[in-house]
Amino acid sequence: MLKAVTLKEIERIFSITDALGISREALVIPLRTEAPGRISIMRDSKLEIVVDRDGDFEEWLTRLEPAIRALIDLPEPD
């Protein structure tokens, strides 16, 4: 169980969003986790990434890129 998001987790998220070409300024990553976690587009068009509290963080990270791609309609990599 992950109760709070630290710089370590944020850097791991950035490694995924950077590779997708998403500006760090376009992201909102709350430091508090929630169950379930979620990814959504906010009213100001920023991408909000709320880390899942109850699941395994590493496993959750494997689902992050496909979830972002689906949400903002990015094509799958070749």
C-alpha atoms as a PDB file:
ATOM      1  CA  MET A   1       0.000   0.000   0.000  1.00  0.00           C
ATOM      2  CA  LEU A   2       1.375   3.363  -1.071  1.00  0.00           C
ATOM      3  CA  LYS A   3       0.108   6.176   1.160  1.00  0.00           C
ATOM      4  CA  ALA A   4       1.986   9.081  -0.417  1.00  0.00           C
ATOM      5  CA  VAL A   5       3.688   9.816  -3.717  1.00  0.00           C
ATOM      6  CA  THR A   6       7.346  10.729  -3.296  1.00  0.00           C
ATOM      7  CA  LEU A   7       9.911  12.139  -5.704  1.00  0.00           C
ATOM      8  CA  LYS A   8      10.924   8.552  -6.506  1.00  0.00           C
ATOM      9  CA  GLU A   9       7.438   7.714  -7.844  1.00  0.00           C
ATOM     10  CA  ILE A  10       7.092  11.060  -9.606  1.00  0.00           C
ATOM     11  CA  GLU A  11      10.373  10.492 -11.455  1.00  0.00           C
ATOM     12  CA  ARG A  12       9.111   7.079 -12.589  1.00  0.00           C
ATOM     13  CA  ILE A  13       5.895   8.676 -13.875  1.00  0.00           C
ATOM     14  CA  PHE A  14       7.915  11.411 -15.617  1.00  0.00           C
ATOM     15  CA  SER A  15       9.992   8.772 -17.406  1.00  0.00           C
ATOM     16  CA  ILE A  16       6.788   7.552 -19.044  1.00  0.00           C
ATOM     17  CA  THR A  17       5.220  10.937 -19.776  1.00  0.00           C
ATOM     18  CA  ASP A  18       8.514  12.395 -21.053  1.00  0.00           C
ATOM     19  CA  ALA A  19       8.809   9.531 -23.538  1.00  0.00           C
ATOM     20  CA  LEU A  20       5.286  10.332 -24.748  1.00  0.00           C
ATOM     21  CA  GLY A  21       6.289  13.960 -25.336  1.00  0.00           C
ATOM     22  CA  ILE A  22       4.005  15.315 -22.610  1.00  0.00           C
ATOM     23  CA  SER A  23       5.318  18.450 -20.920  1.00  0.00           C
ATOM     24  CA  ARG A  24       5.785  18.177 -17.169  1.00  0.00           C
ATOM     25  CA  GLU A  25       3.947  21.471 -16.873  1.00  0.00           C
ATOM     26  CA  ALA A  26       0.894  19.791 -18.399  1.00  0.00           C
ATOM     27  CA  LEU A  27       0.731  17.274 -15.534  1.00  0.00           C
ATOM     28  CA  VAL A  28      -0.840  17.294 -12.105  1.00  0.00           C
ATOM     29  CA  ILE A  29       0.334  14.491  -9.818  1.00  0.00           C
ATOM     30  CA  PRO A  30      -1.232  14.747  -6.355  1.00  0.00           C
ATOM     31  CA  LEU A  31       0.979  13.609  -3.500  1.00  0.00           C
ATOM     32  CA  ARG A  32      -1.914  11.777  -1.896  1.00  0.00           C
ATOM     33  CA  THR A  33      -2.847   8.392  -3.351  1.00  0.00           C
ATOM     34  CA  GLU A  34      -6.431   7.190  -3.813  1.00  0.00           C
ATOM     35  CA  ALA A  35      -8.228   3.896  -4.246  1.00  0.00           C
ATOM     36  CA  PRO A  36      -8.681   3.443  -7.059  1.00  0.00           C
ATOM     37  CA  GLY A  37      -6.119   5.612  -8.782  1.00  0.00           C
ATOM     38  CA  ARG A  38      -7.169   7.442 -11.925  1.00  0.00           C
ATOM     39  CA  ILE A  39      -6.012   9.356 -14.950  1.00  0.00           C
ATOM     40  CA  SER A  40      -8.165  12.200 -16.227  1.00  0.00           C
ATOM     41  CA  ILE A  41      -8.079  15.446 -18.144  1.00  0.00           C
ATOM     42  CA  MET A  42      -8.833  18.452 -15.963  1.00  0.00           C
ATOM     43  CA  ARG A  43     -10.847  21.515 -16.992  1.00  0.00           C
ATOM     44  CA  ASP A  44      -7.633  23.426 -17.677  1.00  0.00           C
ATOM     45  CA  SER A  45      -6.574  20.615 -20.078  1.00  0.00           C
ATOM     46  CA  LYS A  46      -3.884  19.307 -17.727  1.00  0.00           C
ATOM     47  CA  LEU A  47      -3.480  15.584 -17.310  1.00  0.00           C
ATOM     48  CA  GLU A  48      -4.141  14.499 -13.726  1.00  0.00           C
ATOM     49  CA  ILE A  49      -2.443  11.294 -12.648  1.00  0.00           C
ATOM     50  CA  VAL A  50      -3.610   9.989  -9.269  1.00  0.00           C
ATOM     51  CA  VAL A  51      -1.543   7.023  -8.112  1.00  0.00           C
ATOM     52  CA  ASP A  52      -3.443   3.967  -6.908  1.00  0.00           C
ATOM     53  CA  ARG A  53      -3.104   3.460  -3.165  1.00  0.00           C
ATOM     54  CA  ASP A  54      -3.925  -0.238  -2.872  1.00  0.00           C
ATOM     55  CA  GLY A  55      -2.194  -1.846  -5.832  1.00  0.00           C
ATOM     56  CA  ASP A  56       1.453  -2.544  -6.502  1.00  0.00           C
ATOM     57  CA  PHE A  57       3.073   0.632  -7.848  1.00  0.00           C
ATOM     58  CA  GLU A  58       5.304  -1.221 -10.323  1.00  0.00           C
ATOM     59  CA  GLU A  59       2.343  -3.096 -11.755  1.00  0.00           C
ATOM     60  CA  TRP A  60       0.321   0.128 -11.909  1.00  0.00           C
ATOM     61  CA  LEU A  61       3.148   1.774 -13.881  1.00  0.00           C
ATOM     62  CA  THR A  62       2.852  -0.922 -16.569  1.00  0.00           C
ATOM     63  CA  ARG A  63      -0.723   0.229 -17.198  1.00  0.00           C
ATOM     64  CA  LEU A  64       0.052   3.954 -17.144  1.00  0.00           C
ATOM     65  CA  GLU A  65       1.317   4.443 -20.698  1.00  0.00           C
ATOM     66  CA  PRO A  66      -1.548   2.539 -22.373  1.00  0.00           C
ATOM     67  CA  ALA A  67      -4.059   4.415 -20.203  1.00  0.00           C
ATOM     68  CA  ILE A  68      -2.568   7.785 -21.168  1.00  0.00           C
ATOM     69  CA  ARG A  69      -2.473   6.806 -24.849  1.00  0.00           C
ATOM     70  CA  ALA A  70      -6.142   5.809 -24.740  1.00  0.00           C
ATOM     71  CA  LEU A  71      -7.210   8.944 -22.868  1.00  0.00           C
ATOM     72  CA  ILE A  72      -5.490  11.458 -25.138  1.00  0.00           C
ATOM     73  CA  ASP A  73      -5.849   9.352 -28.285  1.00  0.00           C
ATOM     74  CA  LEU A  74      -2.162   8.740 -28.969  1.00  0.00           C
ATOM     75  CA  PRO A  75      -1.396   5.882 -31.361  1.00  0.00           C
ATOM     76  CA  GLU A  76       0.219   2.746 -30.022  1.00  0.00           C
ATOM     77  CA  PRO A  77       3.974   2.483 -30.653  1.00  0.00           C
ATOM     78  CA  ASP A  78       5.163   0.411 -33.603  1.00  0.00           C
END
